[in-house]
Protein backbone atom coordinates (compact mmCIF):
# COMPACT_ATOMS: atom_id res chain seq x y z
CA MET A 1 13.62 -20.46 -20.76
CA THR A 2 13.22 -24.37 -21.74
CA GLN A 3 10.56 -26.37 -22.74
CA ALA A 4 10.42 -27.86 -19.47
CA ALA A 5 10.09 -25.04 -17.66
CA THR A 6 7.54 -23.24 -19.36
CA ASP A 7 5.29 -26.24 -19.79
CA PRO A 8 4.47 -28.56 -16.90
CA HIS A 9 3.47 -31.20 -19.04
CA ALA A 10 6.64 -31.31 -21.22
CA ALA A 11 7.95 -34.28 -19.24
CA THR A 12 5.02 -36.17 -19.38
CA PHE A 13 4.63 -35.46 -23.09
CA SER A 14 8.33 -36.50 -23.28
CA THR A 15 7.82 -39.66 -21.59
CA LEU A 16 4.55 -41.09 -23.61
CA ALA A 17 6.39 -40.28 -27.03
CA GLY A 18 9.28 -41.87 -26.02
CA LEU A 19 6.95 -45.41 -24.38
CA LEU A 20 4.46 -45.18 -27.25
CA GLY A 21 5.90 -43.66 -30.35
CA GLU A 22 5.06 -40.44 -31.72
CA GLY A 23 1.65 -40.13 -33.60
CA VAL A 24 -0.31 -41.83 -30.53
CA PHE A 25 -1.31 -38.82 -28.91
CA SER A 26 -2.59 -35.22 -29.73
CA THR A 27 -2.64 -32.11 -26.99
CA SER A 28 -4.70 -29.35 -26.52
CA THR A 29 -5.35 -26.72 -24.29
CA PHE A 30 -8.58 -25.02 -23.36
CA LYS A 31 -8.64 -22.47 -20.46
CA ASP A 32 -5.29 -23.92 -18.93
CA ASN A 33 -6.71 -27.36 -19.11
CA VAL A 34 -4.06 -29.73 -20.81
CA ARG A 35 -6.15 -32.22 -22.95
CA LEU A 36 -4.68 -34.79 -23.98
CA HIS A 37 -6.52 -36.89 -27.19
CA VAL A 38 -6.45 -40.64 -28.11
CA SER A 39 -8.11 -42.98 -30.32
CA PRO A 40 -10.01 -45.87 -28.53
CA GLY A 41 -7.62 -48.49 -29.71
CA ARG A 42 -4.95 -46.92 -27.74
CA LEU A 43 -6.79 -45.63 -24.92
CA ILE A 44 -5.67 -48.63 -22.23
CA GLU A 45 -1.77 -48.42 -23.29
CA VAL A 46 -1.63 -44.39 -22.95
CA LEU A 47 -3.35 -44.50 -19.40
CA THR A 48 -1.38 -47.43 -18.01
CA VAL A 49 1.67 -45.54 -19.02
CA LEU A 50 0.33 -42.23 -17.37
CA LYS A 51 -0.55 -44.26 -14.28
CA GLN A 52 2.64 -46.99 -13.84
CA ARG A 53 5.43 -44.27 -15.64
CA CYS A 54 4.16 -40.63 -15.31
CA GLY A 55 2.36 -40.83 -11.74
CA PHE A 56 -1.35 -40.36 -12.41
CA GLU A 57 -2.15 -42.40 -9.97
CA PHE A 58 -5.76 -40.66 -8.96
CA LEU A 59 -8.81 -40.99 -11.50
CA SER A 60 -10.84 -37.97 -10.16
CA GLU A 61 -13.37 -37.84 -12.73
CA LEU A 62 -14.72 -39.81 -15.96
CA GLY A 63 -17.32 -38.32 -18.16
CA GLY A 64 -19.25 -38.46 -21.45
CA VAL A 65 -20.42 -36.15 -23.79
CA ASP A 66 -22.73 -36.45 -27.08
CA TYR A 67 -21.89 -34.17 -29.50
CA LEU A 68 -24.46 -34.76 -31.77
CA GLU A 69 -25.45 -32.03 -34.49
CA TYR A 70 -22.69 -29.77 -32.76
CA PRO A 71 -22.37 -27.15 -34.79
CA GLY A 72 -18.74 -27.33 -36.66
CA ARG A 73 -17.42 -30.93 -35.30
CA THR A 74 -16.17 -33.57 -37.26
CA ARG A 75 -14.99 -36.25 -34.97
CA SER A 76 -16.70 -38.53 -33.17
CA ARG A 77 -20.33 -38.28 -31.93
CA PHE A 78 -19.82 -39.22 -28.15
CA GLU A 79 -16.79 -38.19 -25.88
CA VAL A 80 -15.07 -39.76 -22.78
CA HIS A 81 -12.96 -37.78 -20.42
CA TYR A 82 -10.67 -38.91 -17.81
CA VAL A 83 -9.75 -36.12 -15.49
CA LEU A 84 -5.92 -37.72 -13.46
CA LEU A 85 -4.11 -36.23 -10.76
CA ASN A 86 -0.60 -36.71 -10.06
CA LEU A 87 -0.53 -35.93 -6.50
CA ASP A 88 3.28 -35.73 -6.03
CA THR A 89 3.23 -32.62 -8.80
CA THR A 90 -0.44 -31.94 -8.55
CA GLU A 91 -0.30 -32.12 -12.51
CA ARG A 92 -3.65 -32.35 -13.76
CA LEU A 93 -4.34 -33.90 -17.20
CA ILE A 94 -7.77 -34.47 -19.30
CA VAL A 95 -7.48 -37.67 -21.46
CA LYS A 96 -10.13 -37.43 -24.19
CA VAL A 97 -11.37 -40.21 -26.32
CA GLY A 98 -14.04 -40.27 -29.04
CA VAL A 99 -16.30 -42.96 -29.85
CA ASP A 100 -19.00 -43.67 -32.44
CA ASP A 101 -22.56 -45.39 -33.01
CA PRO A 102 -23.96 -47.67 -34.18
CA ASN A 103 -22.18 -49.68 -30.55
CA PRO A 104 -19.89 -47.08 -29.18
CA THR A 105 -17.64 -49.37 -26.83
CA LEU A 106 -14.58 -48.84 -25.05
CA PRO A 107 -11.89 -50.90 -23.05
CA SER A 108 -12.73 -50.12 -19.04
CA ALA A 109 -10.66 -48.59 -17.01
CA TYR A 110 -11.34 -50.49 -14.38
CA PRO A 111 -8.27 -52.65 -13.99
CA LEU A 112 -6.13 -49.40 -13.55
CA TRP A 113 -8.53 -47.70 -11.31
CA ARG A 114 -11.53 -49.60 -9.18
CA GLY A 115 -13.25 -46.43 -9.01
CA ALA A 116 -13.28 -45.88 -12.64
CA ASP A 117 -16.35 -48.37 -11.64
CA TRP A 118 -19.54 -46.37 -11.10
CA MET A 119 -18.10 -43.84 -13.05
CA GLU A 120 -18.38 -46.54 -16.00
CA ARG A 121 -21.74 -47.89 -15.04
CA GLU A 122 -23.35 -43.93 -15.22
CA ILE A 123 -21.48 -43.25 -18.55
CA PHE A 124 -23.38 -46.37 -19.86
CA ASP A 125 -26.54 -46.03 -18.12
CA MET A 126 -26.46 -42.17 -19.07
CA TYR A 127 -25.31 -42.61 -22.97
CA GLY A 128 -25.13 -46.37 -23.71
CA ILE A 129 -21.55 -46.31 -24.35
CA GLU A 130 -20.52 -50.01 -22.92
CA PHE A 131 -17.31 -50.47 -21.19
CA THR A 132 -15.64 -54.01 -22.29
CA GLY A 133 -13.90 -55.95 -19.83
CA HIS A 134 -15.69 -53.85 -17.11
CA PRO A 135 -16.81 -56.92 -14.45
CA ASP A 136 -20.31 -55.29 -13.59
CA LEU A 137 -21.76 -53.19 -16.66
CA ARG A 138 -25.34 -52.90 -15.81
CA ARG A 139 -27.51 -49.78 -15.19
CA ILE A 140 -26.93 -47.44 -11.81
CA LEU A 141 -29.45 -44.53 -11.99
CA MET A 142 -31.97 -46.04 -14.43
CA PRO A 143 -34.64 -48.90 -13.46
CA GLU A 144 -33.24 -52.22 -15.52
CA GLU A 145 -36.76 -51.99 -17.64
CA PHE A 146 -35.46 -48.52 -18.86
CA THR A 147 -34.34 -48.97 -22.61
CA ALA A 148 -33.39 -45.85 -24.02
CA PHE A 149 -30.41 -43.48 -22.83
CA PRO A 150 -31.17 -39.92 -21.09
CA LEU A 151 -28.48 -37.81 -21.55
CA ARG A 152 -28.48 -38.66 -25.81
CA LYS A 153 -28.86 -35.72 -27.67
CA ASP A 154 -31.77 -37.50 -29.61
CA TYR A 155 -33.81 -38.41 -26.80
CA PRO A 156 -36.66 -36.18 -26.27
CA LEU A 157 -37.22 -33.75 -23.36
CA ARG A 158 -40.50 -35.66 -22.22
CA GLY A 159 -39.16 -38.63 -22.28
CA ARG A 160 -40.80 -41.40 -24.85
CA GLY A 161 -43.89 -42.31 -21.68
CA GLU A 162 -41.62 -45.27 -20.20
CA ARG A 163 -42.49 -44.41 -16.54
CA HIS A 164 -46.04 -45.61 -17.00
CA ASN A 165 -44.49 -48.65 -17.37
CA PHE A 166 -42.33 -49.53 -13.86
CA PRO A 167 -43.21 -51.64 -11.39
CA LYS A 168 -44.41 -49.41 -7.97
CA LEU A 169 -42.10 -50.22 -5.53
CA SER A 170 -43.50 -49.54 -1.84
CA ARG A 171 -40.68 -48.13 0.67
CA GLY A 172 -39.71 -51.44 1.99
CA GLU A 173 -39.36 -53.26 -1.31
CA SER A 174 -36.92 -50.14 -2.60
């Protein structure tokens, strides 16, 4: 059996390596999910090739994780994952990129997928990861006056007393 017959992602990896060079990404598998790990500096380049040359035209999910004090973790504190789907082959691929404090920043995927708009805003709102090049990066779930990022592991479970300072809105004003 050939590599392509046993690994449905072999053609994708071959195309990526051919266009971008060796060492641009690494791969891992967890419970039948194939993951592609890339550096922040090559993220948009990899996503562009995956969309334009490999057929991953659908960004089905974009999320973030805070790995603060995760046992045995030596990589970046934050990780953003892009779940891509090739609608022709039903191939699914997860692209992961790590980013660290003090100013976690990644380039925006909005120019590639307009659907990244609100998903990047949610990650910004909850984790404080900024996306450069995003057309309207502002809070989407928390009030503008909120200064913290509630899904960070160092955010206290009961909050920091921010809620009492929020302006009261009537139903008509909301």
